[in-house]
Amino acid sequence: MILFRIFKVTGYSIVNNKLLIMKKFIVLLAIVSTGFIACTKDSDRSCTEQESLSVENATVTAAGELAFASKPNTGSAKVYQQKNGRYVLGLQNMNLAAGRSLVIYLSGSKTLSAPAIKIFSANGLYGDILHLLPQNIDLRVFKHLIILSEPTEEIVASAELN
């Protein structure tokens, strides 16, 4: 009877240890998978699609100089229409180090109000940037480019696209 109790207690602790290890593994797996999911930011299109954009044979349909809330930031915005009919937003000669996340919108007015479309997010804007705009966008409605800081939602820069 004593041997049975010792075996039962020892066997139970081995199973209990295996369950504890399994629980820790599941928690670790959940944390790691959450990290991978959280790393993607506004990726409705693949990076390779954005990188392969070209405005070589495209025509400029709208353009405007960006007005910045603080100096010495620089940049301009253009909307190109490609031969296939798709529109591309071009931010050129950009130098905008905001120190926080930025969100780029196209809006129907000088402020961020309806109608407005979120185009993409970035941590800083440098050099020349091309971004494919959503299909069937009506550029007669969306005449303003607005760059907001996240999470304060203050306007960092804006341009009227003519």
N, C-alpha and C. Protein backbone atom coordinates (compact mmCIF):
# COMPACT_ATOMS: atom_id res chain seq x y z
N MET A 1 0.81 -1.18 0.00
CA MET A 1 0.00 0.00 0.00
C MET A 1 0.86 1.26 0.00
N ILE A 2 1.94 1.27 0.75
CA ILE A 2 2.83 2.43 0.80
C ILE A 2 3.52 2.61 -0.54
N LEU A 3 3.96 1.52 -1.19
CA LEU A 3 4.59 1.62 -2.50
C LEU A 3 3.61 2.20 -3.53
N PHE A 4 2.35 1.80 -3.45
CA PHE A 4 1.34 2.31 -4.37
C PHE A 4 1.16 3.82 -4.20
N ARG A 5 1.15 4.29 -2.96
CA ARG A 5 1.00 5.73 -2.70
C ARG A 5 2.21 6.51 -3.20
N ILE A 6 3.42 6.00 -3.00
CA ILE A 6 4.64 6.68 -3.48
C ILE A 6 4.61 6.75 -5.00
N PHE A 7 4.26 5.64 -5.66
CA PHE A 7 4.22 5.62 -7.13
C PHE A 7 3.15 6.58 -7.64
N LYS A 8 2.01 6.59 -6.99
CA LYS A 8 0.91 7.45 -7.40
C LYS A 8 1.31 8.92 -7.27
N VAL A 9 1.92 9.31 -6.19
CA VAL A 9 2.34 10.70 -5.98
C VAL A 9 3.44 11.06 -6.96
N THR A 10 4.43 10.19 -7.17
CA THR A 10 5.52 10.46 -8.09
C THR A 10 5.02 10.53 -9.53
N GLY A 11 4.17 9.63 -9.94
CA GLY A 11 3.61 9.65 -11.28
C GLY A 11 2.78 10.89 -11.53
N TYR A 12 2.02 11.28 -10.52
CA TYR A 12 1.19 12.48 -10.64
C TYR A 12 2.05 13.72 -10.81
N SER A 13 3.14 13.82 -10.10
CA SER A 13 3.99 15.01 -10.21
C SER A 13 4.67 15.08 -11.57
N ILE A 14 4.99 13.94 -12.17
CA ILE A 14 5.58 13.94 -13.52
C ILE A 14 4.57 14.46 -14.52
N VAL A 15 3.34 13.98 -14.44
CA VAL A 15 2.28 14.44 -15.34
C VAL A 15 2.01 15.92 -15.10
N ASN A 16 1.98 16.34 -13.85
CA ASN A 16 1.73 17.73 -13.51
C ASN A 16 2.84 18.63 -14.06
N ASN A 17 4.09 18.20 -14.00
CA ASN A 17 5.21 18.97 -14.55
C ASN A 17 5.08 19.10 -16.06
N LYS A 18 4.68 18.03 -16.74
CA LYS A 18 4.52 18.08 -18.19
C LYS A 18 3.41 19.05 -18.57
N LEU A 19 2.31 19.03 -17.80
CA LEU A 19 1.22 19.97 -18.06
C LEU A 19 1.67 21.41 -17.84
N LEU A 20 2.45 21.65 -16.82
CA LEU A 20 2.96 22.99 -16.53
C LEU A 20 3.86 23.48 -17.66
N ILE A 21 4.71 22.61 -18.15
CA ILE A 21 5.60 22.97 -19.27
C ILE A 21 4.76 23.26 -20.51
N MET A 22 3.74 22.45 -20.77
CA MET A 22 2.87 22.65 -21.92
C MET A 22 2.13 23.99 -21.82
N LYS A 23 1.65 24.34 -20.65
CA LYS A 23 0.96 25.62 -20.46
C LYS A 23 1.90 26.79 -20.72
N LYS A 24 3.12 26.70 -20.24
CA LYS A 24 4.11 27.76 -20.47
C LYS A 24 4.41 27.90 -21.96
N PHE A 25 4.50 26.77 -22.64
CA PHE A 25 4.77 26.79 -24.08
C PHE A 25 3.62 27.46 -24.84
N ILE A 26 2.39 27.17 -24.47
CA ILE A 26 1.23 27.76 -25.14
C ILE A 26 1.20 29.27 -24.90
N VAL A 27 1.49 29.71 -23.70
CA VAL A 27 1.52 31.14 -23.40
C VAL A 27 2.62 31.83 -24.22
N LEU A 28 3.79 31.22 -24.29
CA LEU A 28 4.90 31.77 -25.07
C LEU A 28 4.52 31.84 -26.55
N LEU A 29 3.91 30.80 -27.07
CA LEU A 29 3.49 30.79 -28.47
C LEU A 29 2.46 31.88 -28.74
N ALA A 30 1.54 32.10 -27.83
CA ALA A 30 0.54 33.16 -28.00
C ALA A 30 1.19 34.54 -28.02
N ILE A 31 2.16 34.76 -27.16
CA ILE A 31 2.85 36.06 -27.11
C ILE A 31 3.63 36.30 -28.39
N VAL A 32 4.35 35.30 -28.86
CA VAL A 32 5.16 35.45 -30.07
C VAL A 32 4.26 35.67 -31.29
N SER A 33 3.17 34.92 -31.41
CA SER A 33 2.29 35.09 -32.57
C SER A 33 1.60 36.45 -32.56
N THR A 34 1.27 36.98 -31.39
CA THR A 34 0.69 38.31 -31.29
C THR A 34 1.68 39.36 -31.78
N GLY A 35 2.94 39.18 -31.47
CA GLY A 35 3.98 40.10 -31.93
C GLY A 35 4.08 40.13 -33.44
N PHE A 36 3.97 38.98 -34.08
CA PHE A 36 4.03 38.94 -35.54
C PHE A 36 2.82 39.61 -36.17
N ILE A 37 1.67 39.41 -35.60
CA ILE A 37 0.46 40.02 -36.13
C ILE A 37 0.50 41.53 -35.94
N ALA A 38 1.00 42.02 -34.82
CA ALA A 38 1.01 43.44 -34.53
C ALA A 38 2.05 44.20 -35.34
N CYS A 39 3.02 43.50 -35.93
CA CYS A 39 4.08 44.19 -36.68
C CYS A 39 3.60 44.73 -38.01
N THR A 40 2.52 44.20 -38.55
CA THR A 40 2.04 44.70 -39.83
C THR A 40 1.25 45.96 -39.58
N LYS A 41 1.49 46.98 -40.44
CA LYS A 41 0.83 48.26 -40.24
C LYS A 41 0.23 48.73 -41.56
N ASP A 42 -1.09 48.77 -41.63
CA ASP A 42 -1.78 49.27 -42.81
C ASP A 42 -1.26 48.67 -44.10
N SER A 43 -1.19 47.37 -44.17
CA SER A 43 -0.63 46.75 -45.36
C SER A 43 -1.75 46.15 -46.20
N ASP A 44 -2.56 47.01 -46.83
CA ASP A 44 -3.59 46.52 -47.71
C ASP A 44 -3.01 46.10 -49.05
N ARG A 45 -1.82 46.52 -49.34
CA ARG A 45 -1.11 46.10 -50.55
C ARG A 45 0.26 45.59 -50.13
N SER A 46 0.80 44.68 -50.92
CA SER A 46 2.11 44.12 -50.57
C SER A 46 3.21 45.15 -50.82
N CYS A 47 4.31 45.00 -50.11
CA CYS A 47 5.44 45.93 -50.26
C CYS A 47 6.00 45.88 -51.68
N THR A 48 6.01 44.70 -52.28
CA THR A 48 6.56 44.58 -53.62
C THR A 48 5.72 45.36 -54.62
N GLU A 49 4.41 45.41 -54.41
CA GLU A 49 3.56 46.18 -55.31
C GLU A 49 3.88 47.66 -55.19
N GLN A 50 4.08 48.16 -53.98
CA GLN A 50 4.40 49.56 -53.78
C GLN A 50 5.78 49.90 -54.34
N GLU A 51 6.74 48.97 -54.18
CA GLU A 51 8.10 49.23 -54.64
C GLU A 51 8.20 49.25 -56.16
N SER A 52 7.30 48.54 -56.85
CA SER A 52 7.40 48.44 -58.31
C SER A 52 6.64 49.57 -59.01
N LEU A 53 6.11 50.52 -58.28
CA LEU A 53 5.38 51.62 -58.90
C LEU A 53 6.34 52.50 -59.70
N SER A 54 5.82 52.98 -60.82
CA SER A 54 6.60 53.87 -61.65
C SER A 54 5.69 54.96 -62.19
N VAL A 55 6.21 56.16 -62.28
CA VAL A 55 5.46 57.27 -62.84
C VAL A 55 6.15 57.80 -64.10
N GLU A 56 6.98 56.95 -64.68
CA GLU A 56 7.76 57.34 -65.86
C GLU A 56 6.87 57.79 -67.02
N ASN A 57 5.86 57.02 -67.35
CA ASN A 57 4.98 57.34 -68.47
C ASN A 57 3.61 57.83 -68.00
N ALA A 58 3.52 58.25 -66.76
CA ALA A 58 2.24 58.71 -66.19
C ALA A 58 2.10 60.21 -66.39
N THR A 59 0.85 60.67 -66.33
CA THR A 59 0.59 62.09 -66.45
C THR A 59 0.19 62.66 -65.09
N VAL A 60 0.62 63.87 -64.82
CA VAL A 60 0.26 64.53 -63.56
C VAL A 60 -1.16 65.08 -63.69
N THR A 61 -2.03 64.65 -62.78
CA THR A 61 -3.42 65.12 -62.81
C THR A 61 -3.69 66.19 -61.76
N ALA A 62 -2.89 66.21 -60.69
CA ALA A 62 -3.04 67.22 -59.64
C ALA A 62 -1.71 67.38 -58.92
N ALA A 63 -1.45 68.59 -58.42
CA ALA A 63 -0.20 68.85 -57.71
C ALA A 63 -0.39 69.99 -56.72
N GLY A 64 0.46 70.00 -55.69
CA GLY A 64 0.41 71.08 -54.71
C GLY A 64 1.62 71.06 -53.81
N GLU A 65 2.00 72.24 -53.32
CA GLU A 65 3.11 72.36 -52.38
C GLU A 65 2.60 72.13 -50.97
N LEU A 66 3.33 71.36 -50.19
CA LEU A 66 2.94 71.10 -48.81
C LEU A 66 3.27 72.31 -47.93
N ALA A 67 2.31 72.70 -47.12
CA ALA A 67 2.51 73.75 -46.11
C ALA A 67 2.66 73.03 -44.77
N PHE A 68 3.78 73.25 -44.10
CA PHE A 68 4.10 72.54 -42.86
C PHE A 68 3.82 73.41 -41.65
N ALA A 69 3.42 72.76 -40.56
CA ALA A 69 3.15 73.46 -39.31
C ALA A 69 4.45 73.96 -38.67
N SER A 70 5.57 73.28 -38.94
CA SER A 70 6.86 73.71 -38.39
C SER A 70 7.93 73.66 -39.48
N LYS A 71 8.92 74.47 -39.34
CA LYS A 71 10.03 74.53 -40.29
C LYS A 71 11.16 73.68 -39.77
N PRO A 72 12.09 73.24 -40.46
CA PRO A 72 12.45 73.39 -41.86
C PRO A 72 12.02 72.21 -42.73
N ASN A 73 10.81 71.73 -42.60
CA ASN A 73 10.33 70.60 -43.39
C ASN A 73 10.06 71.03 -44.83
N THR A 74 10.24 70.08 -45.76
CA THR A 74 10.04 70.39 -47.17
C THR A 74 9.30 69.23 -47.84
N GLY A 75 8.69 69.53 -48.99
CA GLY A 75 8.05 68.49 -49.78
C GLY A 75 6.90 69.01 -50.61
N SER A 76 6.54 68.23 -51.61
CA SER A 76 5.40 68.55 -52.46
C SER A 76 4.65 67.25 -52.76
N ALA A 77 3.43 67.41 -53.26
CA ALA A 77 2.58 66.26 -53.56
C ALA A 77 2.08 66.34 -54.99
N LYS A 78 2.03 65.18 -55.66
CA LYS A 78 1.48 65.08 -57.00
C LYS A 78 0.65 63.80 -57.09
N VAL A 79 -0.38 63.86 -57.90
CA VAL A 79 -1.15 62.66 -58.21
C VAL A 79 -0.93 62.37 -59.68
N TYR A 80 -0.48 61.16 -59.96
CA TYR A 80 -0.20 60.72 -61.32
C TYR A 80 -1.27 59.73 -61.76
N GLN A 81 -1.60 59.75 -63.06
CA GLN A 81 -2.44 58.70 -63.62
C GLN A 81 -1.58 57.85 -64.54
N GLN A 82 -1.52 56.56 -64.23
CA GLN A 82 -0.74 55.64 -65.04
C GLN A 82 -1.50 55.29 -66.31
N LYS A 83 -0.79 54.66 -67.24
CA LYS A 83 -1.40 54.25 -68.51
C LYS A 83 -2.57 53.30 -68.30
N ASN A 84 -2.53 52.49 -67.22
CA ASN A 84 -3.60 51.54 -66.95
C ASN A 84 -4.80 52.18 -66.25
N GLY A 85 -4.76 53.51 -66.02
CA GLY A 85 -5.87 54.22 -65.41
C GLY A 85 -5.77 54.37 -63.89
N ARG A 86 -4.85 53.67 -63.26
CA ARG A 86 -4.69 53.75 -61.80
C ARG A 86 -3.98 55.05 -61.42
N TYR A 87 -4.31 55.55 -60.22
CA TYR A 87 -3.70 56.77 -59.71
C TYR A 87 -2.63 56.44 -58.68
N VAL A 88 -1.57 57.24 -58.70
CA VAL A 88 -0.45 57.08 -57.78
C VAL A 88 -0.20 58.42 -57.09
N LEU A 89 -0.11 58.38 -55.76
CA LEU A 89 0.25 59.58 -54.99
C LEU A 89 1.77 59.65 -54.93
N GLY A 90 2.33 60.78 -55.33
CA GLY A 90 3.77 60.98 -55.26
C GLY A 90 4.09 62.10 -54.28
N LEU A 91 4.86 61.78 -53.25
CA LEU A 91 5.37 62.79 -52.33
C LEU A 91 6.83 62.98 -52.70
N GLN A 92 7.20 64.20 -53.07
CA GLN A 92 8.54 64.43 -53.62
C GLN A 92 9.35 65.37 -52.76
N ASN A 93 10.65 65.10 -52.72
CA ASN A 93 11.61 65.90 -51.95
C ASN A 93 11.17 66.07 -50.50
N MET A 94 10.64 64.99 -49.95
CA MET A 94 10.12 65.04 -48.58
C MET A 94 11.24 65.03 -47.56
N ASN A 95 11.08 65.85 -46.55
CA ASN A 95 11.96 65.86 -45.39
C ASN A 95 11.08 66.21 -44.19
N LEU A 96 10.46 65.17 -43.62
CA LEU A 96 9.54 65.38 -42.51
C LEU A 96 9.84 64.36 -41.42
N ALA A 97 10.56 64.82 -40.40
CA ALA A 97 10.87 63.99 -39.24
C ALA A 97 9.95 64.42 -38.12
N ALA A 98 8.89 63.69 -37.93
CA ALA A 98 7.88 64.11 -36.95
C ALA A 98 8.18 63.60 -35.55
N GLY A 99 8.96 62.55 -35.43
CA GLY A 99 9.23 61.97 -34.12
C GLY A 99 8.08 61.12 -33.62
N ARG A 100 7.05 60.97 -34.41
CA ARG A 100 5.90 60.13 -34.06
C ARG A 100 5.29 59.61 -35.37
N SER A 101 4.35 58.74 -35.25
CA SER A 101 3.72 58.15 -36.42
C SER A 101 2.90 59.19 -37.18
N LEU A 102 2.93 59.11 -38.50
CA LEU A 102 2.20 60.03 -39.35
C LEU A 102 1.16 59.25 -40.15
N VAL A 103 0.02 59.88 -40.40
CA VAL A 103 -1.02 59.27 -41.22
C VAL A 103 -1.34 60.23 -42.36
N ILE A 104 -1.34 59.70 -43.59
CA ILE A 104 -1.58 60.51 -44.78
C ILE A 104 -3.00 60.26 -45.26
N TYR A 105 -3.75 61.34 -45.47
CA TYR A 105 -5.15 61.27 -45.91
C TYR A 105 -5.34 62.10 -47.16
N LEU A 106 -6.33 61.72 -47.96
CA LEU A 106 -6.90 62.59 -48.97
C LEU A 106 -8.27 62.99 -48.45
N SER A 107 -8.57 64.29 -48.53
CA SER A 107 -9.80 64.81 -47.93
C SER A 107 -10.52 65.71 -48.92
N GLY A 108 -11.80 65.88 -48.67
CA GLY A 108 -12.59 66.78 -49.49
C GLY A 108 -12.49 68.23 -49.05
N SER A 109 -11.88 68.47 -47.89
CA SER A 109 -11.74 69.84 -47.39
C SER A 109 -10.35 70.02 -46.76
N LYS A 110 -10.09 71.26 -46.32
CA LYS A 110 -8.79 71.56 -45.72
C LYS A 110 -8.59 70.90 -44.36
N THR A 111 -9.67 70.47 -43.75
CA THR A 111 -9.59 69.75 -42.48
C THR A 111 -9.96 68.30 -42.73
N LEU A 112 -9.68 67.48 -41.76
CA LEU A 112 -10.00 66.07 -41.90
C LEU A 112 -11.46 65.86 -41.54
N SER A 113 -12.30 65.90 -42.56
CA SER A 113 -13.73 65.68 -42.37
C SER A 113 -14.23 64.83 -43.52
N ALA A 114 -15.44 64.34 -43.39
CA ALA A 114 -16.00 63.50 -44.44
C ALA A 114 -16.19 64.33 -45.69
N PRO A 115 -15.89 63.86 -46.83
CA PRO A 115 -15.26 62.57 -47.08
C PRO A 115 -13.74 62.66 -46.94
N ALA A 116 -13.14 61.61 -46.42
CA ALA A 116 -11.69 61.50 -46.30
C ALA A 116 -11.30 60.04 -46.43
N ILE A 117 -10.13 59.80 -47.01
CA ILE A 117 -9.62 58.45 -47.19
C ILE A 117 -8.23 58.37 -46.60
N LYS A 118 -8.02 57.40 -45.72
CA LYS A 118 -6.68 57.14 -45.18
C LYS A 118 -5.88 56.42 -46.26
N ILE A 119 -4.72 57.00 -46.61
CA ILE A 119 -3.90 56.42 -47.67
C ILE A 119 -2.86 55.47 -47.09
N PHE A 120 -2.05 55.94 -46.14
CA PHE A 120 -1.07 55.07 -45.49
C PHE A 120 -0.52 55.75 -44.24
N SER A 121 0.23 54.97 -43.46
CA SER A 121 0.90 55.47 -42.26
C SER A 121 2.40 55.32 -42.43
N ALA A 122 3.15 56.18 -41.75
CA ALA A 122 4.61 56.12 -41.81
C ALA A 122 5.18 56.74 -40.54
N ASN A 123 6.43 56.42 -40.24
CA ASN A 123 7.10 57.01 -39.08
C ASN A 123 7.85 58.27 -39.44
N GLY A 124 8.14 58.47 -40.69
CA GLY A 124 8.81 59.65 -41.19
C GLY A 124 8.71 59.64 -42.70
N LEU A 125 8.84 60.79 -43.32
CA LEU A 125 8.75 60.87 -44.78
C LEU A 125 10.01 61.53 -45.30
N TYR A 126 10.78 60.78 -46.08
CA TYR A 126 12.05 61.27 -46.61
C TYR A 126 12.18 60.90 -48.08
N GLY A 127 12.69 61.83 -48.87
CA GLY A 127 12.94 61.56 -50.29
C GLY A 127 11.66 61.53 -51.10
N ASP A 128 11.67 60.69 -52.14
CA ASP A 128 10.51 60.54 -53.02
C ASP A 128 9.75 59.28 -52.65
N ILE A 129 8.45 59.42 -52.47
CA ILE A 129 7.60 58.31 -52.03
C ILE A 129 6.45 58.18 -53.01
N LEU A 130 6.20 56.96 -53.47
CA LEU A 130 5.07 56.67 -54.35
C LEU A 130 4.14 55.71 -53.64
N HIS A 131 2.84 55.96 -53.76
CA HIS A 131 1.86 55.08 -53.13
C HIS A 131 0.65 54.95 -54.05
N LEU A 132 0.26 53.72 -54.34
CA LEU A 132 -0.89 53.45 -55.19
C LEU A 132 -2.18 53.84 -54.46
N LEU A 133 -3.01 54.62 -55.12
CA LEU A 133 -4.27 55.05 -54.52
C LEU A 133 -5.35 53.99 -54.77
N PRO A 134 -6.40 54.00 -53.95
CA PRO A 134 -7.48 53.02 -54.14
C PRO A 134 -8.12 53.16 -55.52
N GLN A 135 -8.60 52.02 -56.04
CA GLN A 135 -9.28 52.06 -57.33
C GLN A 135 -10.56 52.87 -57.22
N ASN A 136 -10.98 53.45 -58.33
CA ASN A 136 -12.22 54.22 -58.44
C ASN A 136 -12.27 55.43 -57.52
N ILE A 137 -11.13 56.01 -57.21
CA ILE A 137 -11.10 57.22 -56.39
C ILE A 137 -11.50 58.41 -57.26
N ASP A 138 -12.33 59.27 -56.74
CA ASP A 138 -12.79 60.44 -57.47
C ASP A 138 -11.95 61.64 -57.03
N LEU A 139 -11.00 62.02 -57.84
CA LEU A 139 -10.10 63.13 -57.47
C LEU A 139 -10.77 64.50 -57.58
N ARG A 140 -11.98 64.55 -58.12
CA ARG A 140 -12.73 65.81 -58.10
C ARG A 140 -13.24 66.10 -56.68
N VAL A 141 -13.39 65.03 -55.88
CA VAL A 141 -13.86 65.17 -54.50
C VAL A 141 -12.70 65.37 -53.55
N PHE A 142 -11.64 64.59 -53.72
CA PHE A 142 -10.50 64.60 -52.79
C PHE A 142 -9.43 65.55 -53.31
N LYS A 143 -9.54 66.81 -52.95
CA LYS A 143 -8.65 67.86 -53.45
C LYS A 143 -7.59 68.29 -52.44
N HIS A 144 -7.54 67.65 -51.26
CA HIS A 144 -6.60 68.08 -50.23
C HIS A 144 -5.84 66.87 -49.68
N LEU A 145 -4.53 67.03 -49.56
CA LEU A 145 -3.69 66.04 -48.91
C LEU A 145 -3.42 66.55 -47.49
N ILE A 146 -3.65 65.69 -46.51
CA ILE A 146 -3.45 66.08 -45.11
C ILE A 146 -2.57 65.03 -44.44
N ILE A 147 -1.55 65.51 -43.74
CA ILE A 147 -0.67 64.63 -42.96
C ILE A 147 -0.91 64.94 -41.49
N LEU A 148 -1.39 63.93 -40.75
CA LEU A 148 -1.68 64.07 -39.33
C LEU A 148 -0.66 63.31 -38.51
N SER A 149 -0.42 63.82 -37.30
CA SER A 149 0.41 63.06 -36.37
C SER A 149 -0.50 62.14 -35.57
N GLU A 150 0.00 60.96 -35.31
CA GLU A 150 -0.75 59.99 -34.52
C GLU A 150 -0.16 59.96 -33.14
N PRO A 151 -0.74 59.94 -32.08
CA PRO A 151 -2.15 59.85 -31.74
C PRO A 151 -2.81 61.21 -31.49
N THR A 152 -2.06 62.32 -31.59
CA THR A 152 -2.64 63.63 -31.25
C THR A 152 -3.58 64.16 -32.33
N GLU A 153 -3.46 63.64 -33.54
CA GLU A 153 -4.29 64.04 -34.68
C GLU A 153 -4.19 65.51 -35.02
N GLU A 154 -3.02 66.10 -34.80
CA GLU A 154 -2.82 67.48 -35.22
C GLU A 154 -2.27 67.47 -36.64
N ILE A 155 -2.65 68.48 -37.42
CA ILE A 155 -2.19 68.56 -38.81
C ILE A 155 -0.74 69.00 -38.82
N VAL A 156 0.11 68.15 -39.42
CA VAL A 156 1.54 68.42 -39.54
C VAL A 156 1.83 69.14 -40.85
N ALA A 157 1.09 68.75 -41.91
CA ALA A 157 1.28 69.37 -43.23
C ALA A 157 0.00 69.18 -44.03
N SER A 158 -0.20 70.06 -45.01
CA SER A 158 -1.35 69.93 -45.90
C SER A 158 -1.03 70.58 -47.23
N ALA A 159 -1.76 70.15 -48.24
CA ALA A 159 -1.60 70.73 -49.58
C ALA A 159 -2.92 70.67 -50.31
N GLU A 160 -3.22 71.73 -51.07
CA GLU A 160 -4.38 71.69 -51.96
C GLU A 160 -3.88 71.18 -53.29
N LEU A 161 -4.54 70.16 -53.80
CA LEU A 161 -4.13 69.53 -55.06
C LEU A 161 -4.96 70.09 -56.20
N ASN A 162 -4.30 70.86 -57.09
CA ASN A 162 -4.98 71.45 -58.25
C ASN A 162 -4.49 70.79 -59.52
